[in-house]
Every structure is written in structure tokens, then in C-alpha cells.
Amino acid sequence: MPPFDVPEGDPFGPHNLPYGVFSLPDTGRRTVGVRLGDHVLDVGAAARAAGSRHASLLDRPSLDPLLAAGPAVWSDVRRDLLAWVSEPAHRETLEPLFHHLASVALHLPFTVADYVDFYASENHARNVGRIFRPDAADPLTPNWKHLPIGYHGRSGTVVVSGTDVVRPSGQRKAPADAAPVFGPSLRLDIEAEVGFVVGKPSPPARPVPLGDFREHVFGLCLLNDWSARDIQAWEYVPLGPFLGKSFATSVSAWITPLDALESARVAPPERTHPLLPYLDDSGEEPGGYDLRITVDVNGHPVSEPPFATMYWTAAQQLAHLTVNGASLRTGDLYGSGTVSGPTERERGSLLELTWNGRRPLALPDGERAFLADGDVVTLSGWAPGAGGSRVGLGEVTGRVVAG
């Protein structure tokens, strides 16, 4: 099928146009592309052919220059792209610049600067509290309803979808063990998340207010925060995640611009505690996103976490991570934290789905408490678009291999 003739209802139609970076096998040269159906358009070549004033930002091996250009340019480029793929006058020029997805290699689309991960789902936090603190009066920690809890991760181990994930090794100690042992993780897990990509930087000592979220955040992608639960359990008291998280974080090869998700904006859940002014979004436009995620293990769906249930929004997370004066850099990535809904079928980690291994999942190829070598985990998703359409989110896949 010709690249322009996207079937009606395709989640990667002209209403979407997510950005990525690809290369062709004969040249290996990386360049920015946008996805249309099952094709990718060489955006740099298209910009040159159209005489775009933004060609110098787009004819690059990374999204970094476009991200740094800011929201006015992001909107201009998106308008141009929509015209190029929708108006018949451009077809003859652009058709040779499309490549079938099966013929290209996809790469990490931007240089990850800093990486932060949050803990923003009340359902997930309550489940974790019930698992590890079953006798506590409240499964939530006292600070949870007052600020978005997060931790700083390792940007150098953020990898693109399709990259194998090597089972990590580290110290682990079961409650009954007299001393810790060293070896490969026996409780390797996933966390279904959404990652937000920062474009426009901010200066030091200048917190980013809630209303400036869209001035700085370019778009979002699906994210898998791989987690070694046994390593994490032994190391995280009192400082938090370290080696149990830092070995790999997988992201989609496609970044969906926020402008494609206007119809997916929703109000977050009702706030049950008063918020300090810098986090109070009661007077702001809706900060939540209605994203529908599916988690597959070896091609078998095990969960459908709903992002609309997230208590803390991406705007609140951005405000909180900068409120102490921390600056933003182009390419900063922050994860939402595990997305979990109120029902068992909506839990975004094996920790919750199996209740810390006590109730293994029944898969066609056998039971799983946690991941086995060779297991392939895929996160996919979509969001409501205008007129009943769907906006597809690029999937993120990783295969576990022995260390």
C-alpha cells in the first residue's frame, strides 16, 4: 500500500505523526523520521525538498536540536508535517522519501540527559504497601499524598525498544538467610510506565511552575522500568532504589508529541489532601492523560493499566523536580512510575500481579512469578483522538537474556 494511503482508523495516521530516528541498512546513516501507518518519512529530506526554514533542525541524526528549539518551533514543524502528508500536491516529491518500517533500523531518538522516575499511582503504592507492610494501618507512607515521590536513575542505561535486557547480578538476602549472597537476580520484574521527554531547558534556581509544563515537555513515550526485586529489597533501606533499577530502562523508539494528545487530556483523580501552592493544580487545565496500556509477556496479554488513574500528573512531577532550583536540560527524561488501576487485571508490575510471587501467573508456556530468561515483555498503548480516532503509542519491547 502506498505510504499516503493509510487505512481509516489506523492509530498512526496523520493525526498522530510520532517522531523517531532511523537508518537504512545500505548507509547506516541516522536521520529523524515520523511514522505514518507502516512507513517512516525521512523528515530531513522532506524539509529540504519543501524548502522548510526548519530543515537544519530536522536533517540530523537525533531529535536533540528539534527538542531544544522550543514549543513555537514544535508547532510550526507539526503544521508543516501535517500539510506534507495530507495535501496531494506533495505526494510526488515525498513518496520516494518514505521507507517501510520493516526495512529500517530504529534507534534511541534523543540523547538522554538526566533520568528521574516517580511513584505516582495510588493503586500501585497501596498494593506495594499492603505487600511489604501488611500490618500497617495505612499502606501509603505519610508523605505520599503531599508530594510526588521519585528517585534519580541512570541515564546511560536507557535503551531503545528491541534491546535485549541482561539479567542483572547483585547482592540479595532473603529474610531467612543469615547473610547476603551474590548472584543473578531471581526476581526480575517490569514496571509499565509513561516517560516524558523534556525539550526546552530551564536555568538553575528557576523552578518550573505547573502552567509552564507544555513550554518544556515535548512529548511522551511508553517506558519499562526493569526492576530486580530481590536486589532492590536488600539495598533500598534507607536510601532507595540503586542497583535494582539502574541496569536497564527501555523506552519506545517513537516519541508522541503532546500536540497529538489534546483529545486525551482528562482531569486527574480527586485530591484527598490539600496541596502546597506549587503543586495545587485546581485552577489549571486538566493535567491527566487518558492512555490505555497493554502488557504482554511472550505475546500473551497479562494486564491493561489505565494511565488516567495516576494521582500525580506530569505537570506536578515537573514542578516538584525543579522546585528546589534544579535545572532542566534538553533530553531530560522522567518516568511516571508504575501505572496500576484498581483491579487485578490493571496492575502494571509482576510484583503486584503475582502478589510478590505468591500467586504465579498462568501463561501458555508455564507459570511465572517473575521473569525467566528468554521471556519477551512488550508494552503497547493508545490514546483517544479527535472524532473517535485512536492515537497509537509506539510499543516498547525487551527480551531477557542470561547474564
Protein backbone atom coordinates (compact mmCIF):
# COMPACT_ATOMS: atom_id res chain seq x y z
CA MET A 1 0.00 0.00 0.00
CA PRO A 2 1.41 3.46 -0.87
CA PRO A 3 2.59 5.37 2.21
CA PHE A 4 -0.02 8.13 1.93
CA ASP A 5 -2.95 5.71 1.78
CA VAL A 6 -3.24 4.95 5.48
CA PRO A 7 -6.41 2.95 6.21
CA GLU A 8 -9.12 4.81 8.08
CA GLY A 9 -8.80 4.15 11.79
CA ASP A 10 -5.06 3.44 11.68
CA PRO A 11 -3.70 4.69 15.04
CA PHE A 12 -0.63 6.04 13.23
CA GLY A 13 -2.50 8.23 10.76
CA PRO A 14 -1.85 11.92 10.05
CA HIS A 15 -3.45 12.87 13.38
CA ASN A 16 -0.53 11.24 15.21
CA LEU A 17 2.88 11.62 13.47
CA PRO A 18 5.23 10.48 16.25
CA TYR A 19 8.94 11.21 15.89
CA GLY A 20 11.80 8.73 15.82
CA VAL A 21 15.29 8.21 14.43
CA PHE A 22 16.00 5.54 11.82
CA SER A 23 18.70 4.29 9.48
CA LEU A 24 18.74 2.28 6.27
CA PRO A 25 20.86 -0.87 6.06
CA ASP A 26 22.80 0.26 2.99
CA THR A 27 24.06 3.52 4.51
CA GLY A 28 23.68 3.22 8.29
CA ARG A 29 23.14 6.98 8.39
CA ARG A 30 20.77 8.01 11.15
CA THR A 31 18.12 10.61 10.47
CA VAL A 32 14.91 11.95 12.00
CA GLY A 33 11.67 10.39 10.81
CA VAL A 34 7.96 10.49 11.51
CA ARG A 35 5.73 7.46 11.37
CA LEU A 36 2.72 7.30 9.05
CA GLY A 37 0.94 3.95 9.09
CA ASP A 38 3.57 1.27 8.48
CA HIS A 39 6.03 3.70 6.86
CA VAL A 40 8.52 6.26 8.13
CA LEU A 41 9.16 9.57 6.37
CA ASP A 42 12.69 10.94 6.14
CA VAL A 43 11.84 14.30 7.68
CA GLY A 44 15.16 15.96 6.98
CA ALA A 45 14.97 15.14 3.28
CA ALA A 46 11.32 16.23 3.20
CA ALA A 47 12.19 19.54 4.84
CA ARG A 48 14.94 20.19 2.32
CA ALA A 49 12.63 19.31 -0.58
CA ALA A 50 9.94 21.66 0.75
CA GLY A 51 12.38 24.48 1.42
CA SER A 52 11.49 24.48 5.12
CA ARG A 53 13.19 27.05 7.32
CA HIS A 54 13.50 24.29 9.91
CA ALA A 55 15.45 21.91 7.68
CA SER A 56 18.64 22.44 9.67
CA LEU A 57 16.89 21.16 12.82
CA LEU A 58 15.38 18.13 11.11
CA ASP A 59 18.19 16.87 8.89
CA ARG A 60 20.02 15.47 11.91
CA PRO A 61 20.86 12.08 13.42
CA SER A 62 18.93 12.89 16.60
CA LEU A 63 15.88 14.75 17.83
CA ASP A 64 18.08 16.84 20.13
CA PRO A 65 18.12 20.05 18.02
CA LEU A 66 14.37 19.96 17.49
CA LEU A 67 13.75 19.34 21.19
CA ALA A 68 15.91 22.31 22.15
CA ALA A 69 14.13 24.64 19.70
CA GLY A 70 11.07 25.06 21.93
CA PRO A 71 7.28 24.93 21.60
CA ALA A 72 6.80 27.54 18.86
CA VAL A 73 9.06 25.59 16.53
CA TRP A 74 7.48 22.26 17.57
CA SER A 75 4.10 23.60 16.49
CA ASP A 76 5.45 25.00 13.22
CA VAL A 77 7.09 21.72 12.28
CA ARG A 78 3.98 19.75 13.13
CA ARG A 79 1.85 22.01 10.91
CA ASP A 80 4.32 21.52 8.07
CA LEU A 81 4.34 17.75 8.53
CA LEU A 82 0.56 17.57 8.50
CA ALA A 83 0.48 19.53 5.24
CA TRP A 84 3.21 17.41 3.64
CA VAL A 85 1.47 14.08 4.36
CA SER A 86 -2.10 15.30 3.73
CA GLU A 87 -2.03 17.56 0.68
CA PRO A 88 -1.89 15.85 -2.75
CA ALA A 89 0.50 18.49 -4.11
CA HIS A 90 3.33 17.00 -2.04
CA ARG A 91 2.86 13.35 -2.99
CA GLU A 92 5.16 13.12 -5.98
CA THR A 93 8.03 14.79 -4.15
CA LEU A 94 7.67 12.94 -0.87
CA GLU A 95 6.76 9.41 -1.93
CA PRO A 96 10.41 8.36 -2.56
CA LEU A 97 11.28 9.64 0.93
CA PHE A 98 9.08 7.09 2.68
CA HIS A 99 10.51 3.75 3.83
CA HIS A 100 8.63 0.71 5.07
CA LEU A 101 9.15 0.11 8.78
CA ALA A 102 10.32 -3.43 8.08
CA SER A 103 13.24 -2.06 6.03
CA VAL A 104 14.72 0.32 8.61
CA ALA A 105 16.52 0.13 11.94
CA LEU A 106 15.15 2.25 14.76
CA HIS A 107 17.40 3.95 17.30
CA LEU A 108 17.22 5.79 20.61
CA PRO A 109 15.66 9.01 19.30
CA PHE A 110 17.34 11.54 21.61
CA THR A 111 20.30 11.85 23.94
CA VAL A 112 19.07 11.15 27.45
CA ALA A 113 20.40 13.86 29.75
CA ASP A 114 19.08 13.18 33.27
CA TYR A 115 16.63 10.43 34.20
CA VAL A 116 14.14 10.60 37.06
CA ASP A 117 11.48 8.06 37.96
CA PHE A 118 8.38 8.71 40.06
CA TYR A 119 5.89 6.71 42.12
CA ALA A 120 2.64 8.40 41.11
CA SER A 121 -0.05 5.70 41.05
CA GLU A 122 -2.03 5.47 44.27
CA ASN A 123 -3.20 1.98 43.32
CA HIS A 124 0.39 0.82 42.84
CA ALA A 125 1.59 2.49 46.05
CA ARG A 126 -1.23 0.95 48.06
CA ASN A 127 -0.53 -2.50 46.61
CA VAL A 128 3.17 -2.23 47.42
CA GLY A 129 2.34 -1.06 50.94
CA ARG A 130 -0.01 -3.99 51.51
CA ILE A 131 2.59 -6.46 50.20
CA PHE A 132 5.52 -5.22 52.29
CA ARG A 133 3.74 -3.63 55.27
CA PRO A 134 0.67 -5.84 55.72
CA ASP A 135 0.18 -4.81 59.36
CA ALA A 136 0.36 -1.06 58.74
CA ALA A 137 -2.77 0.97 59.42
CA ASP A 138 -2.29 2.84 56.13
CA PRO A 139 -0.42 1.22 53.20
CA LEU A 140 0.66 4.68 51.99
CA THR A 141 3.65 6.41 53.54
CA PRO A 142 2.79 9.67 55.38
CA ASN A 143 4.26 11.89 52.64
CA TRP A 144 2.63 10.18 49.63
CA LYS A 145 -0.41 12.48 49.29
CA HIS A 146 1.70 15.61 49.78
CA LEU A 147 4.42 15.29 47.12
CA PRO A 148 5.33 13.18 44.08
CA ILE A 149 7.90 10.70 45.39
CA GLY A 150 10.74 9.97 42.98
CA TYR A 151 14.37 8.96 42.60
CA HIS A 152 17.23 9.77 40.24
CA GLY A 153 18.10 6.95 37.87
CA ARG A 154 20.91 6.26 35.42
CA SER A 155 20.54 7.89 32.01
CA GLY A 156 23.36 5.82 30.49
CA THR A 157 21.33 2.61 30.71
CA VAL A 158 18.19 3.91 28.99
CA VAL A 159 17.86 1.73 25.87
CA VAL A 160 15.58 1.72 22.87
CA SER A 161 12.84 -0.85 22.32
CA GLY A 162 14.17 -4.13 20.95
CA THR A 163 17.37 -4.06 23.00
CA ASP A 164 17.98 -7.26 24.99
CA VAL A 165 17.99 -6.86 28.76
CA VAL A 166 20.74 -8.80 30.50
CA ARG A 167 19.66 -10.27 33.83
CA PRO A 168 21.49 -8.23 36.48
CA SER A 169 23.56 -9.61 39.31
CA GLY A 170 23.96 -8.17 42.76
CA GLN A 171 23.61 -8.83 46.45
CA ARG A 172 20.38 -10.40 47.66
CA LYS A 173 19.26 -11.66 51.03
CA ALA A 174 16.02 -13.45 51.82
CA PRO A 175 14.56 -12.80 55.29
CA ALA A 176 15.56 -16.27 56.45
CA ASP A 177 19.15 -16.05 55.17
CA ALA A 178 21.92 -15.48 57.70
CA ALA A 179 23.97 -13.38 55.28
CA PRO A 180 23.67 -11.92 51.79
CA VAL A 181 24.81 -13.79 48.69
CA PHE A 182 25.90 -12.54 45.27
CA GLY A 183 24.38 -13.74 42.02
CA PRO A 184 21.86 -13.09 39.27
CA SER A 185 18.51 -11.67 40.27
CA LEU A 186 15.87 -14.33 40.87
CA ARG A 187 13.00 -11.83 40.93
CA LEU A 188 13.30 -9.85 37.73
CA ASP A 189 10.27 -7.66 37.12
CA ILE A 190 8.88 -4.96 34.86
CA GLU A 191 7.07 -1.71 35.52
CA ALA A 192 4.68 -0.35 32.90
CA GLU A 193 5.24 3.40 32.78
CA VAL A 194 4.99 6.50 30.63
CA GLY A 195 8.10 8.61 30.01
CA PHE A 196 8.02 12.37 29.46
CA VAL A 197 10.72 13.97 27.29
CA VAL A 198 11.97 17.48 28.07
CA GLY A 199 12.83 19.74 25.17
CA LYS A 200 13.32 23.34 26.24
CA PRO A 201 15.81 23.66 29.13
CA SER A 202 15.42 25.86 32.20
CA PRO A 203 18.07 27.86 34.08
CA PRO A 204 19.30 26.86 37.54
CA ALA A 205 17.39 28.22 40.55
CA ARG A 206 14.27 28.88 38.43
CA PRO A 207 11.51 26.39 39.35
CA VAL A 208 9.12 25.48 36.53
CA PRO A 209 5.52 26.27 37.56
CA LEU A 210 2.61 23.99 36.71
CA GLY A 211 1.41 26.27 33.92
CA ASP A 212 4.74 26.03 32.08
CA PHE A 213 4.63 22.25 31.62
CA ARG A 214 3.94 22.48 27.88
CA GLU A 215 6.68 25.08 27.45
CA HIS A 216 9.25 22.44 28.34
CA VAL A 217 7.87 18.96 27.67
CA PHE A 218 7.92 17.90 24.02
CA GLY A 219 6.13 14.58 24.20
CA LEU A 220 5.83 11.18 25.79
CA CYS A 221 6.62 7.53 25.19
CA LEU A 222 5.99 4.18 26.80
CA LEU A 223 8.69 3.13 29.27
CA ASN A 224 9.58 -0.13 31.00
CA ASP A 225 11.42 0.35 34.29
CA TRP A 226 13.01 -3.10 34.67
CA SER A 227 13.39 -3.97 38.35
CA ALA A 228 15.36 -6.65 40.22
CA ARG A 229 13.12 -7.01 43.24
CA ASP A 230 15.46 -9.15 45.34
CA ILE A 231 18.42 -6.81 44.82
CA GLN A 232 16.16 -3.82 45.45
CA ALA A 233 14.71 -5.27 48.67
CA TRP A 234 18.15 -5.75 50.26
CA GLU A 235 19.70 -2.43 49.20
CA TYR A 236 16.92 0.15 49.33
CA VAL A 237 16.83 0.80 53.08
CA PRO A 238 17.40 3.61 53.88
CA LEU A 239 18.23 5.43 50.62
CA GLY A 240 16.03 3.93 47.91
CA PRO A 241 16.49 2.23 44.51
CA PHE A 242 20.02 1.77 43.22
CA LEU A 243 21.39 -1.36 41.51
CA GLY A 244 17.96 -2.99 41.48
CA LYS A 245 16.85 -0.36 38.94
CA SER A 246 19.92 1.10 37.23
CA PHE A 247 20.80 -1.80 34.92
CA ALA A 248 18.22 -1.02 32.19
CA THR A 249 15.25 1.17 31.34
CA SER A 250 13.59 0.55 27.97
CA VAL A 251 11.78 3.26 26.00
CA SER A 252 9.84 3.27 22.76
CA ALA A 253 11.56 4.31 19.54
CA TRP A 254 8.65 6.73 18.93
CA ILE A 255 8.00 9.96 20.82
CA THR A 256 4.39 11.13 20.59
CA PRO A 257 4.21 14.94 20.67
CA LEU A 258 1.85 16.42 23.27
CA ASP A 259 0.05 18.25 20.43
CA ALA A 260 -1.20 14.86 19.18
CA LEU A 261 -2.82 14.12 22.55
CA GLU A 262 -5.15 17.07 23.06
CA SER A 263 -8.24 14.84 22.95
CA ALA A 264 -6.74 12.52 25.57
CA ARG A 265 -6.45 15.15 28.30
CA VAL A 266 -8.50 14.38 31.42
CA ALA A 267 -8.78 15.59 34.99
CA PRO A 268 -6.70 13.59 37.49
CA PRO A 269 -8.35 11.72 40.37
CA GLU A 270 -9.89 13.82 43.13
CA ARG A 271 -7.34 15.17 45.59
CA THR A 272 -7.93 13.99 49.14
CA HIS A 273 -5.33 16.21 50.86
CA PRO A 274 -4.66 19.95 50.50
CA LEU A 275 -1.65 20.65 48.29
CA LEU A 276 1.03 23.29 48.73
CA PRO A 277 0.66 26.14 46.22
CA TYR A 278 3.36 24.99 43.79
CA LEU A 279 1.54 21.63 43.38
CA ASP A 280 -2.05 22.89 43.56
CA ASP A 281 -3.49 22.30 40.09
CA SER A 282 -7.11 23.08 40.96
CA GLY A 283 -7.03 26.19 38.78
CA GLU A 284 -5.05 24.64 35.93
CA GLU A 285 -6.24 22.97 32.72
CA PRO A 286 -6.68 19.17 33.00
CA GLY A 287 -3.27 17.64 33.65
CA GLY A 288 -4.03 13.94 33.27
CA TYR A 289 -3.85 11.84 30.10
CA ASP A 290 -6.18 9.00 29.15
CA LEU A 291 -3.64 6.46 27.92
CA ARG A 292 -4.58 2.78 27.61
CA ILE A 293 -1.61 0.43 28.09
CA THR A 294 -1.35 -3.31 27.47
CA VAL A 295 1.37 -5.53 28.96
CA ASP A 296 2.23 -8.72 27.07
CA VAL A 297 4.56 -11.47 28.26
CA ASN A 298 5.64 -13.75 25.39
CA GLY A 299 2.77 -12.45 23.28
CA HIS A 300 0.17 -13.14 25.98
CA PRO A 301 -1.66 -10.11 27.45
CA VAL A 302 -1.43 -10.07 31.25
CA SER A 303 -2.53 -6.55 32.18
CA GLU A 304 -4.14 -3.34 30.92
CA PRO A 305 -3.02 -0.48 33.17
CA PRO A 306 -5.02 2.78 32.78
CA PHE A 307 -2.89 5.94 32.93
CA ALA A 308 -5.92 8.15 33.64
CA THR A 309 -5.91 6.86 37.23
CA MET A 310 -2.49 8.37 38.07
CA TYR A 311 -2.79 10.59 41.15
CA TRP A 312 0.15 12.87 40.37
CA THR A 313 0.27 14.47 36.92
CA ALA A 314 3.31 15.01 34.69
CA ALA A 315 3.00 18.77 35.28
CA GLN A 316 3.12 18.30 39.05
CA GLN A 317 6.10 15.99 38.71
CA LEU A 318 7.96 18.58 36.63
CA ALA A 319 7.12 21.32 39.13
CA HIS A 320 8.32 19.18 42.00
CA LEU A 321 11.59 18.05 40.44
CA THR A 322 12.55 21.69 39.76
CA VAL A 323 11.12 23.40 42.87
CA ASN A 324 14.46 23.20 44.68
CA GLY A 325 16.15 25.05 41.82
CA ALA A 326 17.24 22.02 39.81
CA SER A 327 17.53 22.97 36.14
CA LEU A 328 16.14 21.13 33.13
CA ARG A 329 18.31 20.01 30.22
CA THR A 330 17.25 19.12 26.71
CA GLY A 331 16.75 15.36 26.69
CA ASP A 332 15.79 15.01 30.34
CA LEU A 333 13.51 12.00 30.75
CA TYR A 334 11.20 11.37 33.66
CA GLY A 335 9.08 8.28 34.21
CA SER A 336 5.59 8.36 35.65
CA GLY A 337 6.13 5.42 37.96
CA THR A 338 4.27 2.15 37.62
CA VAL A 339 0.81 2.55 36.14
CA SER A 340 -1.74 0.44 38.01
CA GLY A 341 -5.52 0.54 38.11
CA PRO A 342 -7.94 -0.54 40.84
CA THR A 343 -8.50 -4.12 39.58
CA GLU A 344 -6.15 -7.11 39.41
CA ARG A 345 -6.20 -7.05 35.61
CA GLU A 346 -4.91 -3.45 35.66
CA ARG A 347 -1.72 -3.89 37.68
CA GLY A 348 1.47 -2.70 36.00
CA SER A 349 4.11 -4.97 37.56
CA LEU A 350 4.57 -8.68 38.24
CA LEU A 351 5.17 -7.76 41.88
CA GLU A 352 1.50 -6.79 42.06
CA LEU A 353 0.11 -9.25 39.52
CA THR A 354 1.60 -12.21 41.43
CA TRP A 355 1.46 -10.55 44.84
CA ASN A 356 5.22 -10.83 45.30
CA GLY A 357 5.36 -14.27 43.73
CA ARG A 358 2.70 -15.90 45.91
CA ARG A 359 0.16 -16.19 43.07
CA PRO A 360 2.07 -17.01 39.87
CA LEU A 361 0.61 -16.04 36.51
CA ALA A 362 -0.63 -18.87 34.33
CA LEU A 363 0.85 -18.33 30.85
CA PRO A 364 0.54 -20.64 27.83
CA ASP A 365 4.22 -21.62 28.27
CA GLY A 366 4.05 -22.13 32.03
CA GLU A 367 3.64 -20.23 35.28
CA ARG A 368 5.59 -17.07 36.08
CA ALA A 369 6.14 -15.49 39.46
CA PHE A 370 8.85 -13.29 37.94
CA LEU A 371 10.58 -13.22 34.56
CA ALA A 372 12.55 -16.16 33.16
CA ASP A 373 15.45 -15.96 30.71
CA GLY A 374 14.07 -15.74 27.19
CA ASP A 375 10.86 -14.01 28.21
CA VAL A 376 9.81 -11.13 25.96
CA VAL A 377 7.87 -8.25 27.51
CA THR A 378 6.01 -5.77 25.30
CA LEU A 379 4.19 -2.61 26.35
CA SER A 380 1.80 -1.14 23.80
CA GLY A 381 -0.86 1.54 24.06
CA TRP A 382 -3.14 4.13 22.56
CA ALA A 383 -5.00 7.29 23.50
CA PRO A 384 -8.34 8.71 22.38
CA GLY A 385 -8.02 11.09 19.44
CA ALA A 386 -10.34 13.58 17.79
CA GLY A 387 -13.58 12.28 16.29
CA GLY A 388 -13.32 8.85 17.84
CA SER A 389 -9.87 8.12 16.40
CA ARG A 390 -7.06 6.42 18.27
CA VAL A 391 -3.55 7.79 18.71
CA GLY A 392 -1.12 4.88 18.77
CA LEU A 393 1.77 4.88 21.20
CA GLY A 394 4.91 3.17 19.92
CA GLU A 395 5.45 -0.14 21.66
CA VAL A 396 8.45 -0.94 23.82
CA THR A 397 9.81 -4.49 23.81
CA GLY A 398 12.66 -6.21 25.65
CA ARG A 399 13.87 -9.80 25.84
CA VAL A 400 15.50 -11.11 28.99
CA VAL A 401 18.83 -12.84 28.44
CA ALA A 402 21.05 -14.59 30.95
CA GLY A 403 23.86 -12.58 32.49
